[in-house]
C-alpha atoms as a PDB file:
ATOM      1  CA  MET A   1      -3.898   7.648 -39.316  1.00  0.00           C
ATOM      2  CA  ASN A   2      -7.436   8.603 -38.572  1.00  0.00           C
ATOM      3  CA  ARG A   3      -8.646  12.367 -38.414  1.00  0.00           C
ATOM      4  CA  LYS A   4      -8.250  12.187 -34.313  1.00  0.00           C
ATOM      5  CA  SER A   5      -4.806  11.184 -34.596  1.00  0.00           C
ATOM      6  CA  ARG A   6      -3.716  13.778 -37.237  1.00  0.00           C
ATOM      7  CA  LYS A   7      -5.414  16.296 -35.232  1.00  0.00           C
ATOM      8  CA  LYS A   8      -3.925  15.453 -31.927  1.00  0.00           C
ATOM      9  CA  THR A   9       0.021  15.203 -33.665  1.00  0.00           C
ATOM     10  CA  GLU A  10      -1.216  18.701 -35.225  1.00  0.00           C
ATOM     11  CA  ILE A  11      -1.844  19.850 -31.913  1.00  0.00           C
ATOM     12  CA  MET A  12       1.247  18.384 -30.103  1.00  0.00           C
ATOM     13  CA  GLY A  13       3.420  20.018 -32.867  1.00  0.00           C
ATOM     14  CA  LEU A  14       1.835  23.454 -32.252  1.00  0.00           C
ATOM     15  CA  LEU A  15       2.759  23.120 -28.431  1.00  0.00           C
ATOM     16  CA  VAL A  16       6.372  21.998 -28.915  1.00  0.00           C
ATOM     17  CA  GLN A  17       7.111  24.699 -31.324  1.00  0.00           C
ATOM     18  CA  GLY A  18       5.820  27.446 -28.755  1.00  0.00           C
ATOM     19  CA  ARG A  19       7.167  25.448 -25.435  1.00  0.00           C
ATOM     20  CA  ARG A  20       9.586  28.687 -24.681  1.00  0.00           C
ATOM     21  CA  GLU A  21       6.762  31.010 -25.188  1.00  0.00           C
ATOM     22  CA  ILE A  22       4.410  29.000 -23.130  1.00  0.00           C
ATOM     23  CA  ALA A  23       7.027  28.258 -20.351  1.00  0.00           C
ATOM     24  CA  CYS A  24       8.086  31.942 -20.050  1.00  0.00           C
ATOM     25  CA  GLY A  25       4.144  33.322 -19.962  1.00  0.00           C
ATOM     26  CA  ASP A  26       4.351  35.098 -23.295  1.00  0.00           C
ATOM     27  CA  VAL A  27       1.763  32.439 -24.586  1.00  0.00           C
ATOM     28  CA  ARG A  28      -1.424  30.882 -22.825  1.00  0.00           C
ATOM     29  CA  VAL A  29      -2.741  27.497 -23.832  1.00  0.00           C
ATOM     30  CA  MET A  30      -6.419  27.095 -23.438  1.00  0.00           C
ATOM     31  CA  PHE A  31      -8.584  24.276 -24.472  1.00  0.00           C
ATOM     32  CA  LEU A  32     -12.233  24.729 -25.549  1.00  0.00           C
ATOM     33  CA  ASP A  33     -14.594  21.597 -26.008  1.00  0.00           C
ATOM     34  CA  GLU A  34     -17.842  21.725 -27.723  1.00  0.00           C
ATOM     35  CA  TYR A  35     -20.702  21.779 -25.180  1.00  0.00           C
ATOM     36  CA  HIS A  36     -24.585  22.592 -25.199  1.00  0.00           C
ATOM     37  CA  LEU A  37     -25.973  24.382 -22.217  1.00  0.00           C
ATOM     38  CA  LEU A  38     -28.973  22.544 -21.008  1.00  0.00           C
ATOM     39  CA  TRP A  39     -31.303  24.249 -18.196  1.00  0.00           C
ATOM     40  CA  GLY A  40     -29.673  23.931 -15.060  1.00  0.00           C
ATOM     41  CA  ASP A  41     -26.070  24.013 -16.570  1.00  0.00           C
ATOM     42  CA  ILE A  42     -25.945  27.633 -15.154  1.00  0.00           C
ATOM     43  CA  SER A  43     -23.622  27.238 -12.647  1.00  0.00           C
ATOM     44  CA  GLY A  44     -21.078  24.564 -12.494  1.00  0.00           C
ATOM     45  CA  TYR A  45     -17.271  24.099 -11.763  1.00  0.00           C
ATOM     46  CA  GLY A  46     -14.001  25.145 -13.931  1.00  0.00           C
ATOM     47  CA  TRP A  47     -10.393  25.216 -13.671  1.00  0.00           C
ATOM     48  CA  SER A  48      -8.542  28.468 -12.765  1.00  0.00           C
ATOM     49  CA  ARG A  49      -5.576  29.624 -10.302  1.00  0.00           C
ATOM     50  CA  ARG A  50      -6.249  28.954  -6.500  1.00  0.00           C
ATOM     51  CA  SER A  51      -8.046  31.411  -5.007  1.00  0.00           C
ATOM     52  CA  GLN A  52      -9.044  33.365  -8.148  1.00  0.00           C
ATOM     53  CA  ARG A  53     -12.795  33.427  -9.431  1.00  0.00           C
ATOM     54  CA  VAL A  54     -13.576  33.302 -12.846  1.00  0.00           C
ATOM     55  CA  ASP A  55     -16.815  34.660 -14.104  1.00  0.00           C
ATOM     56  CA  VAL A  56     -18.325  33.509 -17.564  1.00  0.00           C
ATOM     57  CA  GLU A  57     -21.245  35.405 -18.828  1.00  0.00           C
ATOM     58  CA  ILE A  58     -24.052  33.606 -20.610  1.00  0.00           C
ATOM     59  CA  LYS A  59     -26.059  35.842 -22.962  1.00  0.00           C
ATOM     60  CA  SER A  60     -29.004  33.267 -23.502  1.00  0.00           C
ATOM     61  CA  THR A  61     -30.188  31.396 -20.449  1.00  0.00           C
ATOM     62  CA  ARG A  62     -33.364  30.213 -22.154  1.00  0.00           C
ATOM     63  CA  GLU A  63     -34.854  26.661 -21.366  1.00  0.00           C
ATOM     64  CA  ARG A  64     -34.025  24.366 -23.917  1.00  0.00           C
END
């Protein structure tokens, strides 16, 4: 099994272990992926609840 498959299996195990807490809202599951901001990436789209605006503060907006 390669590294990516092992990591996926590990994450799935954690989600299965915490499924009750996740289902009742005691635990929230968030996904974070690596990214690099480039010039012009200051505004974009993301996911949130309907009719709820989410603002993400960006501390450094220098041109790359």
